[in-house]
N, C-alpha and C. Protein backbone atom coordinates (compact mmCIF):
# COMPACT_ATOMS: atom_id res chain seq x y z
N MET A 1 5.59 28.08 8.80
CA MET A 1 4.29 28.17 8.59
C MET A 1 3.68 26.86 7.99
N THR A 2 2.71 26.22 8.55
CA THR A 2 2.15 25.04 8.21
C THR A 2 0.79 25.33 7.57
N THR A 3 0.53 24.59 6.44
CA THR A 3 -0.66 24.81 5.76
C THR A 3 -1.49 23.43 5.95
N ASP A 4 -2.76 23.54 6.24
CA ASP A 4 -3.55 22.23 6.33
C ASP A 4 -4.05 21.94 5.04
N ARG A 5 -3.81 20.75 4.53
CA ARG A 5 -4.52 20.44 3.20
C ARG A 5 -5.61 19.35 3.57
N PRO A 6 -6.79 19.52 2.88
CA PRO A 6 -7.81 18.52 3.05
C PRO A 6 -7.24 17.12 2.79
N THR A 7 -7.85 16.20 3.57
CA THR A 7 -7.50 14.80 3.33
C THR A 7 -8.17 14.43 2.10
N ARG A 8 -7.42 13.74 1.26
CA ARG A 8 -8.00 13.15 0.05
C ARG A 8 -8.93 11.96 0.32
N GLU A 9 -9.88 11.61 -0.42
CA GLU A 9 -10.68 10.47 -0.16
C GLU A 9 -10.02 9.22 -0.79
N THR A 10 -10.02 8.18 -0.05
CA THR A 10 -9.61 6.87 -0.32
C THR A 10 -10.81 6.07 -0.82
N VAL A 11 -10.82 5.64 -1.98
CA VAL A 11 -11.99 4.86 -2.50
C VAL A 11 -11.56 3.36 -2.55
N ILE A 12 -12.25 2.59 -1.92
CA ILE A 12 -12.13 1.10 -1.90
C ILE A 12 -13.47 0.44 -2.40
N GLU A 13 -13.14 -0.14 -3.54
CA GLU A 13 -14.34 -0.84 -4.43
C GLU A 13 -14.09 -2.27 -4.44
N ALA A 14 -15.30 -3.04 -4.50
CA ALA A 14 -15.16 -4.53 -4.69
C ALA A 14 -16.16 -4.67 -5.87
N ASP A 15 -15.91 -5.18 -6.95
CA ASP A 15 -16.72 -5.74 -8.07
C ASP A 15 -17.62 -6.81 -7.57
N PRO A 16 -18.86 -6.76 -7.64
CA PRO A 16 -19.63 -7.75 -6.99
C PRO A 16 -19.49 -9.19 -7.88
N GLN A 17 -18.95 -9.11 -9.06
CA GLN A 17 -18.92 -10.26 -9.86
C GLN A 17 -17.36 -10.83 -9.97
N LEU A 18 -16.37 -10.08 -9.45
CA LEU A 18 -15.06 -10.46 -9.52
C LEU A 18 -14.30 -10.57 -8.23
N PRO A 19 -13.41 -11.34 -7.91
CA PRO A 19 -12.63 -11.43 -6.70
C PRO A 19 -11.54 -10.35 -6.66
N THR A 20 -11.90 -9.05 -6.73
CA THR A 20 -10.95 -7.89 -6.78
C THR A 20 -11.35 -6.82 -5.82
N ILE A 21 -10.30 -6.23 -5.43
CA ILE A 21 -10.47 -5.01 -4.62
C ILE A 21 -9.64 -3.97 -5.36
N ARG A 22 -10.26 -2.72 -5.60
CA ARG A 22 -9.67 -1.61 -6.20
C ARG A 22 -9.61 -0.50 -5.25
N ILE A 23 -8.26 -0.03 -5.05
CA ILE A 23 -8.16 1.11 -4.10
C ILE A 23 -7.62 2.30 -5.01
N THR A 24 -8.31 3.44 -4.77
CA THR A 24 -7.84 4.72 -5.52
C THR A 24 -7.68 5.86 -4.58
N ARG A 25 -6.59 6.58 -4.69
CA ARG A 25 -6.23 7.77 -3.86
C ARG A 25 -5.47 8.74 -4.63
N GLU A 26 -5.65 9.98 -4.46
CA GLU A 26 -4.88 11.02 -5.09
C GLU A 26 -3.94 11.58 -3.89
N PHE A 27 -2.79 12.14 -4.31
CA PHE A 27 -1.75 12.50 -3.40
C PHE A 27 -1.30 13.88 -3.97
N ASP A 28 -1.10 14.86 -3.09
CA ASP A 28 -0.56 16.25 -3.44
C ASP A 28 0.82 16.13 -3.44
N ALA A 29 1.41 15.33 -4.48
CA ALA A 29 2.97 15.31 -4.58
C ALA A 29 3.14 14.75 -6.02
N PRO A 30 4.34 15.14 -6.49
CA PRO A 30 4.75 14.51 -7.82
C PRO A 30 4.81 13.00 -7.78
N VAL A 31 4.61 12.40 -9.05
CA VAL A 31 4.66 10.93 -9.01
C VAL A 31 6.07 10.36 -8.69
N ALA A 32 7.09 11.08 -8.89
CA ALA A 32 8.50 10.54 -8.47
C ALA A 32 8.63 10.50 -6.83
N HIS A 33 7.88 11.53 -6.24
CA HIS A 33 7.91 11.44 -4.76
C HIS A 33 7.01 10.33 -4.14
N VAL A 34 5.85 10.14 -4.94
CA VAL A 34 4.92 9.10 -4.41
C VAL A 34 5.50 7.76 -4.65
N TYR A 35 6.18 7.52 -5.82
CA TYR A 35 6.86 6.23 -6.16
C TYR A 35 7.98 5.99 -5.05
N ARG A 36 8.70 7.03 -4.87
CA ARG A 36 9.86 6.88 -4.01
C ARG A 36 9.34 6.40 -2.66
N ALA A 37 8.30 7.14 -2.07
CA ALA A 37 7.84 6.72 -0.71
C ALA A 37 7.16 5.37 -0.76
N TRP A 38 6.75 4.95 -1.81
CA TRP A 38 6.08 3.58 -2.02
C TRP A 38 7.06 2.47 -2.03
N THR A 39 8.32 2.79 -2.43
CA THR A 39 9.24 1.85 -2.66
C THR A 39 10.52 1.85 -1.86
N GLU A 40 10.89 2.95 -1.14
CA GLU A 40 12.01 2.88 -0.31
C GLU A 40 11.52 2.44 1.05
N PRO A 41 12.11 1.37 1.59
CA PRO A 41 11.68 0.75 2.78
C PRO A 41 11.76 1.73 4.08
N GLU A 42 12.71 2.55 4.23
CA GLU A 42 12.86 3.50 5.19
C GLU A 42 11.60 4.53 5.08
N LEU A 43 11.08 4.72 3.97
CA LEU A 43 9.89 5.68 3.89
C LEU A 43 8.65 4.79 4.05
N VAL A 44 8.58 3.75 3.43
CA VAL A 44 7.39 2.85 3.47
C VAL A 44 6.99 2.59 4.96
N GLY A 45 8.02 2.30 5.69
CA GLY A 45 7.88 2.01 7.16
C GLY A 45 7.24 3.12 7.98
N GLN A 46 7.38 4.31 7.43
CA GLN A 46 6.80 5.49 8.15
C GLN A 46 5.26 5.72 7.98
N TRP A 47 4.83 4.93 6.92
CA TRP A 47 3.32 5.18 6.54
C TRP A 47 2.42 3.90 6.45
N LEU A 48 3.05 2.79 6.32
CA LEU A 48 2.23 1.60 5.97
C LEU A 48 1.38 1.20 7.13
N GLY A 49 0.16 1.03 6.96
CA GLY A 49 -0.74 0.42 7.93
C GLY A 49 -1.30 1.49 8.93
N PRO A 50 -2.07 0.83 9.91
CA PRO A 50 -2.79 1.79 10.88
C PRO A 50 -1.73 2.60 11.65
N LYS A 51 -2.26 3.62 12.15
CA LYS A 51 -1.47 4.58 12.92
C LYS A 51 -0.81 4.02 14.16
N ASP A 52 -1.66 3.07 14.77
CA ASP A 52 -1.06 2.42 16.01
C ASP A 52 0.05 1.39 15.88
N LEU A 53 0.40 1.07 14.73
CA LEU A 53 1.35 0.02 14.33
C LEU A 53 2.66 0.72 13.79
N THR A 54 3.78 -0.14 14.25
CA THR A 54 5.05 0.14 13.66
C THR A 54 5.37 -0.86 12.66
N THR A 55 6.02 -0.47 11.51
CA THR A 55 6.53 -1.57 10.46
C THR A 55 7.91 -1.74 10.61
N LYS A 56 8.38 -3.12 10.59
CA LYS A 56 9.83 -3.39 10.67
C LYS A 56 10.04 -4.36 9.51
N PHE A 57 11.03 -4.07 8.78
CA PHE A 57 11.26 -4.89 7.51
C PHE A 57 12.39 -5.86 7.75
N ASP A 58 12.01 -7.20 7.50
CA ASP A 58 13.14 -8.19 7.71
C ASP A 58 13.91 -8.41 6.48
N HIS A 59 13.28 -8.02 5.29
CA HIS A 59 13.83 -8.19 3.99
C HIS A 59 13.09 -7.29 3.01
N TRP A 60 13.85 -6.63 2.14
CA TRP A 60 13.21 -5.74 1.11
C TRP A 60 14.15 -5.63 -0.12
N ASP A 61 13.78 -6.32 -1.19
CA ASP A 61 14.53 -6.36 -2.43
C ASP A 61 13.63 -5.89 -3.53
N LEU A 62 13.49 -4.65 -3.76
CA LEU A 62 12.53 -4.04 -4.65
C LEU A 62 13.27 -3.99 -6.04
N ARG A 63 12.97 -4.99 -6.87
CA ARG A 63 13.24 -5.17 -8.18
C ARG A 63 12.42 -6.27 -8.88
N THR A 64 12.30 -6.27 -10.19
CA THR A 64 11.56 -7.33 -10.79
C THR A 64 12.20 -8.61 -10.44
N GLY A 65 11.56 -9.59 -9.76
CA GLY A 65 12.05 -10.85 -9.23
C GLY A 65 12.51 -10.78 -7.88
N GLY A 66 12.39 -9.62 -7.20
CA GLY A 66 12.78 -9.49 -5.79
C GLY A 66 11.64 -9.91 -4.86
N SER A 67 11.84 -9.71 -3.66
CA SER A 67 10.90 -10.20 -2.52
C SER A 67 10.99 -9.31 -1.29
N TYR A 68 9.99 -9.52 -0.42
CA TYR A 68 10.01 -8.69 0.82
C TYR A 68 9.43 -9.57 1.88
N ARG A 69 9.63 -9.04 3.09
CA ARG A 69 8.91 -9.53 4.35
C ARG A 69 8.98 -8.47 5.42
N TYR A 70 7.83 -8.22 6.00
CA TYR A 70 7.80 -7.31 7.02
C TYR A 70 6.94 -7.66 8.17
N ARG A 71 7.09 -7.12 9.43
CA ARG A 71 6.23 -7.41 10.53
C ARG A 71 5.64 -6.01 10.94
N GLN A 72 4.36 -6.14 11.59
CA GLN A 72 3.82 -4.97 12.24
C GLN A 72 3.67 -5.18 13.66
N LEU A 73 4.08 -4.15 14.53
CA LEU A 73 4.13 -4.29 15.86
C LEU A 73 3.17 -3.21 16.47
N ARG A 74 2.68 -3.55 17.66
CA ARG A 74 2.02 -2.62 18.64
C ARG A 74 2.58 -2.78 19.87
N ASP A 75 3.11 -1.67 20.47
CA ASP A 75 3.77 -1.66 21.75
C ASP A 75 4.85 -2.74 21.78
N GLY A 76 5.64 -2.80 20.70
CA GLY A 76 6.84 -3.74 20.68
C GLY A 76 6.39 -5.20 20.48
N GLN A 77 5.16 -5.60 20.47
CA GLN A 77 4.74 -6.84 20.10
C GLN A 77 4.19 -7.04 18.61
N GLU A 78 4.64 -8.22 18.14
CA GLU A 78 4.18 -8.42 16.69
C GLU A 78 2.72 -8.76 16.69
N VAL A 79 2.00 -8.19 15.75
CA VAL A 79 0.56 -8.40 15.68
C VAL A 79 0.23 -9.01 14.18
N ALA A 80 1.17 -8.81 13.16
CA ALA A 80 0.96 -9.40 11.93
C ALA A 80 2.27 -9.32 11.26
N SER A 81 2.40 -10.22 10.28
CA SER A 81 3.60 -10.26 9.32
C SER A 81 3.11 -10.52 7.95
N PHE A 82 3.87 -10.01 6.88
CA PHE A 82 3.48 -10.27 5.55
C PHE A 82 4.64 -10.53 4.67
N TYR A 83 4.43 -11.09 3.60
CA TYR A 83 5.59 -11.35 2.51
C TYR A 83 5.04 -11.34 1.23
N GLY A 84 5.93 -11.33 0.20
CA GLY A 84 5.59 -11.33 -1.12
C GLY A 84 6.76 -11.18 -2.05
N SER A 85 6.38 -11.17 -3.35
CA SER A 85 7.30 -11.15 -4.44
C SER A 85 7.05 -9.90 -5.38
N PHE A 86 8.04 -9.34 -5.79
CA PHE A 86 7.88 -8.22 -6.73
C PHE A 86 8.08 -8.80 -8.22
N HIS A 87 6.94 -8.69 -8.94
CA HIS A 87 6.91 -9.21 -10.24
C HIS A 87 7.25 -8.24 -11.32
N GLU A 88 7.09 -6.89 -11.07
CA GLU A 88 7.41 -5.86 -11.91
C GLU A 88 7.57 -4.60 -11.23
N ALA A 89 8.70 -3.91 -11.39
CA ALA A 89 8.99 -2.61 -10.79
C ALA A 89 9.31 -1.68 -11.85
N ARG A 90 8.43 -1.01 -12.38
CA ARG A 90 8.60 -0.04 -13.45
C ARG A 90 8.50 1.51 -12.75
N PRO A 91 9.72 2.02 -12.53
CA PRO A 91 9.77 3.33 -11.84
C PRO A 91 8.77 4.44 -12.30
N HIS A 92 8.08 5.03 -11.30
CA HIS A 92 7.15 6.08 -11.48
C HIS A 92 5.88 5.75 -12.32
N GLN A 93 5.81 4.42 -12.59
CA GLN A 93 4.67 3.95 -13.38
C GLN A 93 3.75 2.92 -12.87
N ARG A 94 4.41 1.73 -12.37
CA ARG A 94 3.72 0.50 -12.03
C ARG A 94 4.58 -0.28 -11.24
N LEU A 95 3.81 -1.02 -10.24
CA LEU A 95 4.47 -1.98 -9.41
C LEU A 95 3.55 -3.11 -9.20
N VAL A 96 3.99 -4.38 -9.58
CA VAL A 96 3.26 -5.45 -9.49
C VAL A 96 3.82 -6.51 -8.43
N GLN A 97 3.04 -6.90 -7.55
CA GLN A 97 3.60 -7.79 -6.46
C GLN A 97 2.58 -8.84 -5.91
N THR A 98 3.01 -9.74 -5.25
CA THR A 98 2.08 -10.62 -4.47
C THR A 98 2.25 -10.07 -3.10
N PHE A 99 1.11 -10.41 -2.34
CA PHE A 99 0.95 -10.00 -0.98
C PHE A 99 0.31 -11.07 -0.18
N THR A 100 0.91 -11.52 0.92
CA THR A 100 0.39 -12.60 1.71
C THR A 100 0.53 -12.30 3.14
N TYR A 101 -0.57 -12.53 3.80
CA TYR A 101 -0.52 -12.34 5.38
C TYR A 101 -0.16 -13.71 5.82
N ASP A 102 0.92 -13.74 6.68
CA ASP A 102 1.30 -14.89 7.41
C ASP A 102 0.37 -15.82 7.96
N GLY A 103 -0.78 -15.15 8.47
CA GLY A 103 -1.82 -15.92 9.26
C GLY A 103 -2.77 -16.63 8.18
N VAL A 104 -2.69 -16.39 6.92
CA VAL A 104 -3.50 -17.10 5.84
C VAL A 104 -2.43 -17.29 4.72
N PRO A 105 -1.43 -18.24 4.87
CA PRO A 105 -0.40 -18.38 3.79
C PRO A 105 -1.01 -18.94 2.46
N ASP A 106 -2.14 -19.34 2.34
CA ASP A 106 -2.75 -19.93 1.04
C ASP A 106 -3.46 -18.69 0.47
N GLY A 107 -3.58 -17.49 1.04
CA GLY A 107 -4.26 -16.44 0.58
C GLY A 107 -3.58 -15.48 0.01
N VAL A 108 -3.11 -15.61 -1.22
CA VAL A 108 -2.14 -14.65 -1.87
C VAL A 108 -3.10 -13.66 -2.77
N SER A 109 -2.66 -12.40 -2.75
CA SER A 109 -3.21 -11.43 -3.51
C SER A 109 -2.29 -10.99 -4.55
N LEU A 110 -2.59 -10.85 -5.72
CA LEU A 110 -1.75 -10.15 -6.90
C LEU A 110 -2.26 -8.78 -6.93
N ASP A 111 -1.21 -7.87 -6.53
CA ASP A 111 -1.61 -6.43 -6.58
C ASP A 111 -0.87 -5.68 -7.58
N THR A 112 -1.65 -4.89 -8.45
CA THR A 112 -1.02 -4.11 -9.46
C THR A 112 -1.18 -2.62 -8.95
N ALA A 113 -0.17 -1.77 -8.76
CA ALA A 113 -0.23 -0.45 -8.40
C ALA A 113 0.06 0.38 -9.64
N THR A 114 -0.66 1.27 -10.07
CA THR A 114 -0.32 2.19 -11.09
C THR A 114 -0.17 3.62 -10.58
N PHE A 115 0.72 4.40 -11.16
CA PHE A 115 1.17 5.75 -10.60
C PHE A 115 0.84 6.69 -11.81
N GLU A 116 -0.27 7.48 -11.55
CA GLU A 116 -0.60 8.39 -12.72
C GLU A 116 -0.30 9.90 -12.36
N ASP A 117 0.53 10.44 -13.33
CA ASP A 117 0.84 11.92 -13.07
C ASP A 117 -0.46 12.72 -13.50
N LEU A 118 -1.03 13.52 -12.55
CA LEU A 118 -2.13 14.26 -12.83
C LEU A 118 -1.77 15.71 -13.13
N GLY A 119 -0.50 16.07 -13.14
CA GLY A 119 -0.01 17.35 -13.43
C GLY A 119 -0.13 18.21 -12.10
N ASP A 120 0.42 19.39 -12.16
CA ASP A 120 0.39 20.36 -10.97
C ASP A 120 0.84 19.75 -9.75
N GLY A 121 1.83 18.74 -9.81
CA GLY A 121 2.40 18.12 -8.65
C GLY A 121 1.44 17.17 -7.96
N ARG A 122 0.46 16.51 -8.67
CA ARG A 122 -0.41 15.54 -8.01
C ARG A 122 -0.32 14.22 -8.76
N THR A 123 -0.61 13.14 -7.93
CA THR A 123 -0.45 11.88 -8.43
C THR A 123 -1.73 10.97 -8.03
N ARG A 124 -2.21 10.19 -8.89
CA ARG A 124 -3.22 9.28 -8.52
C ARG A 124 -2.54 7.79 -8.39
N VAL A 125 -2.82 7.14 -7.37
CA VAL A 125 -2.38 5.77 -7.32
C VAL A 125 -3.70 4.82 -7.39
N THR A 126 -3.52 3.84 -8.12
CA THR A 126 -4.63 2.91 -8.20
C THR A 126 -4.03 1.54 -7.89
N ILE A 127 -4.63 0.75 -6.99
CA ILE A 127 -4.19 -0.48 -6.69
C ILE A 127 -5.41 -1.54 -7.03
N LEU A 128 -5.05 -2.51 -7.96
CA LEU A 128 -6.03 -3.58 -8.22
C LEU A 128 -5.38 -4.93 -7.50
N GLY A 129 -6.19 -5.34 -6.60
CA GLY A 129 -5.82 -6.65 -5.94
C GLY A 129 -6.65 -7.78 -6.36
N LEU A 130 -6.18 -8.91 -6.81
CA LEU A 130 -6.77 -9.98 -7.34
C LEU A 130 -6.61 -11.24 -6.34
N VAL A 131 -7.70 -11.74 -5.90
CA VAL A 131 -7.45 -12.92 -4.92
C VAL A 131 -8.25 -14.04 -5.53
N GLU A 132 -8.10 -15.27 -4.94
CA GLU A 132 -8.67 -16.56 -5.40
C GLU A 132 -10.09 -16.58 -5.68
N ASP A 133 -10.94 -16.06 -4.90
CA ASP A 133 -12.43 -16.04 -5.04
C ASP A 133 -13.04 -14.96 -4.30
N LEU A 134 -14.42 -15.01 -4.43
CA LEU A 134 -15.14 -13.90 -3.76
C LEU A 134 -15.10 -14.10 -2.21
N THR A 135 -15.12 -15.26 -1.66
CA THR A 135 -15.01 -15.57 -0.25
C THR A 135 -13.81 -14.93 0.30
N ALA A 136 -12.56 -15.19 -0.27
CA ALA A 136 -11.46 -14.61 0.08
C ALA A 136 -11.50 -13.08 0.10
N ARG A 137 -11.98 -12.39 -0.97
CA ARG A 137 -12.19 -11.09 -1.16
C ARG A 137 -12.85 -10.40 0.00
N ASP A 138 -14.12 -11.12 0.32
CA ASP A 138 -14.98 -10.67 1.25
C ASP A 138 -14.42 -10.74 2.79
N MET A 139 -13.54 -11.75 2.97
CA MET A 139 -12.76 -11.91 4.20
C MET A 139 -11.79 -10.79 4.30
N ILE A 140 -11.16 -10.32 3.30
CA ILE A 140 -10.18 -9.27 3.42
C ILE A 140 -10.95 -7.89 3.66
N LEU A 141 -11.93 -7.76 2.93
CA LEU A 141 -12.81 -6.52 3.27
C LEU A 141 -13.25 -6.50 4.74
N ALA A 142 -13.74 -7.62 5.18
CA ALA A 142 -14.21 -7.67 6.60
C ALA A 142 -13.16 -7.51 7.61
N SER A 143 -11.97 -7.64 7.17
CA SER A 143 -10.77 -7.77 8.21
C SER A 143 -10.50 -6.41 8.92
N GLY A 144 -10.90 -5.30 8.34
CA GLY A 144 -10.52 -3.96 8.86
C GLY A 144 -9.49 -3.42 7.96
N MET A 145 -9.21 -3.96 6.92
CA MET A 145 -8.07 -3.49 6.05
C MET A 145 -8.34 -2.09 5.64
N ASP A 146 -9.65 -1.60 5.43
CA ASP A 146 -9.97 -0.26 5.09
C ASP A 146 -9.38 0.72 5.98
N ARG A 147 -9.48 0.52 7.31
CA ARG A 147 -8.88 1.32 8.33
C ARG A 147 -7.36 1.47 8.20
N GLY A 148 -6.71 0.36 7.88
CA GLY A 148 -5.40 0.28 7.72
C GLY A 148 -4.87 1.14 6.44
N VAL A 149 -5.59 0.89 5.41
CA VAL A 149 -5.32 1.59 4.18
C VAL A 149 -5.56 3.22 4.31
N ARG A 150 -6.65 3.48 4.85
CA ARG A 150 -7.04 4.98 5.02
C ARG A 150 -5.98 5.62 5.84
N GLU A 151 -5.73 5.13 7.19
CA GLU A 151 -4.73 5.70 8.08
C GLU A 151 -3.33 5.76 7.48
N GLY A 152 -3.05 4.62 6.87
CA GLY A 152 -1.68 4.60 6.11
C GLY A 152 -1.54 5.71 5.12
N TYR A 153 -2.47 5.91 4.29
CA TYR A 153 -2.47 6.95 3.33
C TYR A 153 -2.43 8.42 4.07
N GLU A 154 -3.05 8.59 5.10
CA GLU A 154 -3.03 9.88 5.75
C GLU A 154 -1.47 10.11 6.22
N GLN A 155 -0.89 8.98 6.68
CA GLN A 155 0.45 9.11 7.15
C GLN A 155 1.31 9.31 5.98
N LEU A 156 1.07 8.64 4.77
CA LEU A 156 1.77 8.94 3.62
C LEU A 156 1.70 10.19 3.17
N ASP A 157 0.59 10.99 3.41
CA ASP A 157 0.52 12.50 3.00
C ASP A 157 1.57 13.19 3.92
N ALA A 158 1.74 12.90 5.13
CA ALA A 158 2.75 13.57 5.87
C ALA A 158 4.22 13.28 5.48
N VAL A 159 4.50 11.98 5.10
CA VAL A 159 5.77 11.63 4.48
C VAL A 159 6.01 12.50 3.27
N LEU A 160 4.99 12.54 2.41
CA LEU A 160 5.33 13.15 1.15
C LEU A 160 5.59 14.65 1.38
N ARG A 161 4.95 15.29 2.39
CA ARG A 161 5.26 16.65 2.57
C ARG A 161 6.61 16.82 3.05
N THR A 162 7.39 15.87 3.66
CA THR A 162 8.81 16.04 4.00
C THR A 162 9.74 15.85 2.87
N LEU A 163 9.11 15.27 1.66
CA LEU A 163 9.90 15.09 0.41
C LEU A 163 10.00 16.29 -0.47
N GLY A 164 9.15 17.14 -0.24
CA GLY A 164 8.92 18.35 -1.16
C GLY A 164 10.05 19.26 -1.18
């Protein structure tokens, strides 16, 4: 028997005065499952990005001081690639990393994800991304990243249901 759960709202906010993007989303899963799905590449690859893309990891070393690189493909053709470094990996609590799109190698975002246990098997994830300036932030917002984030989180909901 399958029960349909309502899709949680993904909130994407940009402070008009700061070069930041804040993304907030609640998930119907315990914090340990959400953190696991966020940090194990075989799970991350199942949900990251828009629904019409496939994620392939070239490298994934999740630890403080580690790094990553991945590509996203549509119909077997690469459409984007990303890389970064993990600055802090605090299980079930916090993940700090850089995020760079290969197409804009000077455009680094420093992203801090916090994982908050809401009780009753629910988790809130908040990501605060900091970029160089308001122009860079506005370019990211105009890129369609909101679609990728929202669709990715919907796919993450499905992955989390398999971990229960």
